[in-house]
C-alpha atoms as a PDB file:
ATOM      1  CA  MET A   1       0.058  -6.927   5.624  1.00  0.00           C
ATOM      2  CA  ILE A   2       1.848  -3.673   6.324  1.00  0.00           C
ATOM      3  CA  LYS A   3       1.949  -1.841   9.623  1.00  0.00           C
ATOM      4  CA  ILE A   4       2.095   1.932   9.689  1.00  0.00           C
ATOM      5  CA  ASN A   5       3.623   3.817  12.603  1.00  0.00           C
ATOM      6  CA  GLN A   6       1.109   6.650  12.919  1.00  0.00           C
ATOM      7  CA  GLN A   7       3.386   8.925  14.943  1.00  0.00           C
ATOM      8  CA  LYS A   8       6.220   8.599  12.427  1.00  0.00           C
ATOM      9  CA  LEU A   9       3.800   9.141   9.554  1.00  0.00           C
ATOM     10  CA  LYS A  10       2.399  12.266  11.182  1.00  0.00           C
ATOM     11  CA  LYS A  11       5.913  13.667  11.737  1.00  0.00           C
ATOM     12  CA  LEU A  12       6.777  12.862   8.122  1.00  0.00           C
ATOM     13  CA  ILE A  13       3.739  14.738   6.795  1.00  0.00           C
ATOM     14  CA  TYR A  14       4.596  17.769   8.939  1.00  0.00           C
ATOM     15  CA  LYS A  15       8.174  17.581   7.704  1.00  0.00           C
ATOM     16  CA  ILE A  16       7.034  17.554   4.066  1.00  0.00           C
ATOM     17  CA  ILE A  17       4.826  20.574   4.671  1.00  0.00           C
ATOM     18  CA  GLU A  18       7.641  22.369   6.500  1.00  0.00           C
ATOM     19  CA  ILE A  19       9.975  21.736   3.555  1.00  0.00           C
ATOM     20  CA  LEU A  20       7.372  23.119   1.152  1.00  0.00           C
ATOM     21  CA  ILE A  21       7.040  26.237   3.303  1.00  0.00           C
ATOM     22  CA  SER A  22      10.740  26.820   3.938  1.00  0.00           C
ATOM     23  CA  GLU A  23      11.907  26.036   0.411  1.00  0.00           C
ATOM     24  CA  ASN A  24       9.022  27.939  -1.205  1.00  0.00           C
ATOM     25  CA  LYS A  25       8.542  25.121  -3.712  1.00  0.00           C
ATOM     26  CA  GLY A  26       5.744  26.037  -6.051  1.00  0.00           C
ATOM     27  CA  LEU A  27       3.321  27.357  -3.467  1.00  0.00           C
ATOM     28  CA  LYS A  28       1.662  30.730  -3.805  1.00  0.00           C
ATOM     29  CA  ARG A  29       2.562  33.303  -1.162  1.00  0.00           C
ATOM     30  CA  ASN A  30      -0.888  33.159   0.454  1.00  0.00           C
ATOM     31  CA  HIS A  31      -0.730  29.333   0.555  1.00  0.00           C
ATOM     32  CA  ILE A  32       2.593  29.501   2.398  1.00  0.00           C
ATOM     33  CA  HIS A  33       1.077  31.944   4.870  1.00  0.00           C
ATOM     34  CA  ILE A  34      -1.946  29.698   5.435  1.00  0.00           C
ATOM     35  CA  LEU A  35       0.187  26.579   5.915  1.00  0.00           C
ATOM     36  CA  ARG A  36       2.502  28.408   8.299  1.00  0.00           C
ATOM     37  CA  GLU A  37      -0.451  29.667  10.358  1.00  0.00           C
ATOM     38  CA  LYS A  38      -2.421  26.406  10.299  1.00  0.00           C
ATOM     39  CA  LYS A  39       0.441  23.887  10.396  1.00  0.00           C
ATOM     40  CA  SER A  40      -0.288  22.730  13.946  1.00  0.00           C
ATOM     41  CA  SER A  41      -3.987  22.206  13.221  1.00  0.00           C
ATOM     42  CA  LEU A  42      -3.837  20.474   9.833  1.00  0.00           C
ATOM     43  CA  GLU A  43      -6.017  17.414   9.442  1.00  0.00           C
ATOM     44  CA  LEU A  44      -5.960  14.801   6.752  1.00  0.00           C
ATOM     45  CA  SER A  45      -7.369  11.354   6.309  1.00  0.00           C
ATOM     46  CA  LEU A  46      -5.084   8.676   4.909  1.00  0.00           C
ATOM     47  CA  CYS A  47      -6.546   5.353   3.864  1.00  0.00           C
ATOM     48  CA  PHE A  48      -4.712   2.301   2.523  1.00  0.00           C
ATOM     49  CA  VAL A  49      -6.862   0.067   0.316  1.00  0.00           C
ATOM     50  CA  ASN A  50      -6.756  -2.741  -2.248  1.00  0.00           C
ATOM     51  CA  ASP A  51      -7.417  -2.756  -6.017  1.00  0.00           C
ATOM     52  CA  LYS A  52     -11.123  -3.479  -5.657  1.00  0.00           C
ATOM     53  CA  LYS A  53     -11.789  -0.633  -3.222  1.00  0.00           C
ATOM     54  CA  ILE A  54      -9.803   2.017  -5.105  1.00  0.00           C
ATOM     55  CA  ARG A  55     -11.451   0.962  -8.370  1.00  0.00           C
ATOM     56  CA  GLN A  56     -14.839   1.489  -6.732  1.00  0.00           C
ATOM     57  CA  ILE A  57     -13.812   4.920  -5.407  1.00  0.00           C
ATOM     58  CA  ASN A  58     -12.272   5.874  -8.768  1.00  0.00           C
ATOM     59  CA  LEU A  59     -15.494   4.928 -10.566  1.00  0.00           C
ATOM     60  CA  GLU A  60     -17.687   6.747  -8.083  1.00  0.00           C
ATOM     61  CA  HIS A  61     -15.718   9.998  -8.006  1.00  0.00           C
ATOM     62  CA  ARG A  62     -13.859  10.157 -11.322  1.00  0.00           C
ATOM     63  CA  HIS A  63     -16.018   7.919 -13.551  1.00  0.00           C
ATOM     64  CA  LYS A  64     -12.986   5.781 -14.362  1.00  0.00           C
ATOM     65  CA  ASP A  65     -13.645   2.059 -14.018  1.00  0.00           C
ATOM     66  CA  LYS A  66     -10.118   0.953 -13.195  1.00  0.00           C
ATOM     67  CA  PRO A  67      -7.825   0.771 -10.200  1.00  0.00           C
ATOM     68  CA  THR A  68      -5.205   3.450  -9.712  1.00  0.00           C
ATOM     69  CA  ASP A  69      -2.344   4.033  -7.302  1.00  0.00           C
ATOM     70  CA  VAL A  70      -3.515   7.094  -5.365  1.00  0.00           C
ATOM     71  CA  LEU A  71      -6.547   9.357  -5.166  1.00  0.00           C
ATOM     72  CA  SER A  72      -6.846  12.694  -3.377  1.00  0.00           C
ATOM     73  CA  PHE A  73      -9.948  14.552  -2.322  1.00  0.00           C
ATOM     74  CA  PRO A  74      -9.380  18.086  -1.008  1.00  0.00           C
ATOM     75  CA  GLN A  75     -11.744  19.026   1.808  1.00  0.00           C
ATOM     76  CA  LEU A  76     -11.395  22.755   1.212  1.00  0.00           C
ATOM     77  CA  SER A  77      -9.639  24.640  -1.491  1.00  0.00           C
ATOM     78  CA  ILE A  78      -6.655  26.295   0.119  1.00  0.00           C
ATOM     79  CA  ASN A  79      -7.748  29.413  -1.801  1.00  0.00           C
ATOM     80  CA  ASP A  80     -11.026  29.462   0.156  1.00  0.00           C
ATOM     81  CA  VAL A  81      -9.481  29.426   3.618  1.00  0.00           C
ATOM     82  CA  ILE A  82      -9.973  32.517   5.709  1.00  0.00           C
ATOM     83  CA  LEU A  83      -7.390  32.798   8.440  1.00  0.00           C
ATOM     84  CA  THR A  84      -8.694  33.221  11.926  1.00  0.00           C
ATOM     85  CA  THR A  85      -6.690  34.598  14.796  1.00  0.00           C
ATOM     86  CA  THR A  86      -6.778  31.145  16.377  1.00  0.00           C
ATOM     87  CA  SER A  87      -4.311  28.913  14.605  1.00  0.00           C
ATOM     88  CA  ASN A  88      -5.471  25.766  16.407  1.00  0.00           C
ATOM     89  CA  VAL A  89      -8.877  25.748  14.699  1.00  0.00           C
ATOM     90  CA  PRO A  90      -8.759  22.540  12.630  1.00  0.00           C
ATOM     91  CA  PHE A  91      -7.882  22.952   8.989  1.00  0.00           C
ATOM     92  CA  PRO A  92      -8.978  19.854   7.035  1.00  0.00           C
ATOM     93  CA  LEU A  93      -6.720  19.325   4.035  1.00  0.00           C
ATOM     94  CA  GLY A  94      -8.707  16.338   2.763  1.00  0.00           C
ATOM     95  CA  ASP A  95      -8.399  12.634   2.059  1.00  0.00           C
ATOM     96  CA  ILE A  96      -5.668  10.556   0.443  1.00  0.00           C
ATOM     97  CA  VAL A  97      -6.426   6.982  -0.627  1.00  0.00           C
ATOM     98  CA  ILE A  98      -3.438   4.786  -1.493  1.00  0.00           C
ATOM     99  CA  ASN A  99      -3.688   1.418  -3.224  1.00  0.00           C
ATOM    100  CA  VAL A 100      -1.139  -0.762  -1.420  1.00  0.00           C
ATOM    101  CA  TYR A 101      -1.312  -3.496  -4.063  1.00  0.00           C
ATOM    102  CA  GLN A 102      -0.561  -1.069  -6.882  1.00  0.00           C
ATOM    103  CA  ALA A 103       2.226   0.447  -4.788  1.00  0.00           C
ATOM    104  CA  GLN A 104       3.725  -3.032  -4.391  1.00  0.00           C
ATOM    105  CA  ARG A 105       3.574  -3.667  -8.153  1.00  0.00           C
ATOM    106  CA  GLN A 106       5.106  -0.261  -8.899  1.00  0.00           C
ATOM    107  CA  SER A 107       7.893  -0.822  -6.381  1.00  0.00           C
ATOM    108  CA  GLN A 108       8.825  -4.024  -8.213  1.00  0.00           C
ATOM    109  CA  ARG A 109       8.636  -2.321 -11.603  1.00  0.00           C
ATOM    110  CA  PHE A 110      10.714   0.683 -10.466  1.00  0.00           C
ATOM    111  CA  ASN A 111      13.149  -1.456  -8.460  1.00  0.00           C
ATOM    112  CA  SER A 112      12.331   0.291  -5.180  1.00  0.00           C
ATOM    113  CA  THR A 113      10.947  -0.773  -1.819  1.00  0.00           C
ATOM    114  CA  LEU A 114       7.291  -0.707  -0.856  1.00  0.00           C
ATOM    115  CA  GLN A 115       8.044   2.051   1.657  1.00  0.00           C
ATOM    116  CA  GLU A 116       9.704   4.181  -1.045  1.00  0.00           C
ATOM    117  CA  GLU A 117       6.714   3.795  -3.350  1.00  0.00           C
ATOM    118  CA  LEU A 118       4.224   4.517  -0.556  1.00  0.00           C
ATOM    119  CA  LEU A 119       6.227   7.648   0.225  1.00  0.00           C
ATOM    120  CA  ARG A 120       6.071   8.781  -3.408  1.00  0.00           C
ATOM    121  CA  LEU A 121       2.303   8.227  -3.466  1.00  0.00           C
ATOM    122  CA  LEU A 122       1.859  10.061  -0.164  1.00  0.00           C
ATOM    123  CA  ILE A 123       3.796  13.058  -1.499  1.00  0.00           C
ATOM    124  CA  HIS A 124       1.798  12.969  -4.751  1.00  0.00           C
ATOM    125  CA  GLY A 125      -1.497  12.886  -2.879  1.00  0.00           C
ATOM    126  CA  LEU A 126      -0.451  15.630  -0.490  1.00  0.00           C
ATOM    127  CA  LEU A 127       0.539  17.899  -3.371  1.00  0.00           C
ATOM    128  CA  HIS A 128      -2.920  17.405  -4.880  1.00  0.00           C
ATOM    129  CA  LEU A 129      -4.482  18.428  -1.558  1.00  0.00           C
ATOM    130  CA  LEU A 130      -2.370  21.578  -1.671  1.00  0.00           C
ATOM    131  CA  GLY A 131      -3.685  22.529  -5.096  1.00  0.00           C
ATOM    132  CA  PHE A 132      -1.181  21.012  -7.520  1.00  0.00           C
ATOM    133  CA  ASP A 133      -2.711  19.353 -10.593  1.00  0.00           C
ATOM    134  CA  HIS A 134      -0.582  17.462 -13.103  1.00  0.00           C
ATOM    135  CA  GLU A 135      -3.565  16.884 -15.382  1.00  0.00           C
ATOM    136  CA  LYS A 136      -3.895  20.547 -16.383  1.00  0.00           C
ATOM    137  CA  ASN A 137      -1.093  20.669 -18.939  1.00  0.00           C
ATOM    138  CA  TYR A 138       2.506  19.734 -19.657  1.00  0.00           C
ATOM    139  CA  TYR A 139       3.932  22.585 -17.581  1.00  0.00           C
ATOM    140  CA  ALA A 140       1.808  21.688 -14.531  1.00  0.00           C
ATOM    141  CA  ARG A 141       2.792  18.018 -14.898  1.00  0.00           C
ATOM    142  CA  LYS A 142       6.493  18.854 -15.104  1.00  0.00           C
ATOM    143  CA  LYS A 143       6.288  21.299 -12.182  1.00  0.00           C
ATOM    144  CA  MET A 144       4.481  18.820  -9.954  1.00  0.00           C
ATOM    145  CA  LYS A 145       6.887  15.995 -10.835  1.00  0.00           C
ATOM    146  CA  ASN A 146       9.893  18.199 -10.045  1.00  0.00           C
ATOM    147  CA  ILE A 147       8.428  19.130  -6.655  1.00  0.00           C
ATOM    148  CA  GLU A 148       7.588  15.471  -5.945  1.00  0.00           C
ATOM    149  CA  ASN A 149      11.175  14.450  -6.718  1.00  0.00           C
ATOM    150  CA  PHE A 150      12.582  17.305  -4.637  1.00  0.00           C
ATOM    151  CA  LEU A 151      10.441  16.361  -1.620  1.00  0.00           C
ATOM    152  CA  TYR A 152      11.142  12.669  -2.042  1.00  0.00           C
ATOM    153  CA  ASP A 153      14.897  13.300  -2.044  1.00  0.00           C
ATOM    154  CA  LYS A 154      14.548  15.384   1.146  1.00  0.00           C
ATOM    155  CA  VAL A 155      12.613  12.723   3.127  1.00  0.00           C
ATOM    156  CA  LYS A 156      13.428   9.385   1.498  1.00  0.00           C
ATOM    157  CA  GLY A 157      15.252   8.059   4.563  1.00  0.00           C
ATOM    158  CA  GLU A 158      12.230   8.558   6.829  1.00  0.00           C
ATOM    159  CA  ASN A 159      10.736   5.250   7.953  1.00  0.00           C
ATOM    160  CA  PHE A 160       7.021   5.130   8.768  1.00  0.00           C
ATOM    161  CA  LEU A 161       6.450   1.387   8.486  1.00  0.00           C
ATOM    162  CA  ASN A 162       6.765  -0.851  11.554  1.00  0.00           C
END
């Protein structure tokens, strides 16, 4: 069983978003503006599950009958957001579902800790919520991987497990 420190996790997510904004890493200008304006009112759902549950979700939403490490479901396309003058109106990014068992296996395979692998999956899922898609083509895959690695290197010392 793992225990997540919700406050530390929340700060970590804000830090990742702040790095994306300040470093201008692959985001469109209007996306940066939206994130800057809505940063304090961002909402996302993060769920940690097992192989069976993520396989069920993967089958239901992606028609793939197999477990995976992380799934992301954007609530709104960041392109569809209309800025209001009130920045505290909630802005739902979406849902991230992380398979803890797959993360544990991957941490063993990649010779890393569970926390490091969970962090990589969190970053991957968050990038999907922000409109990145590695399945488009080789260039998109390479771009997303480079941004993932950049973000991971910036926050890898952050601890969100109790």
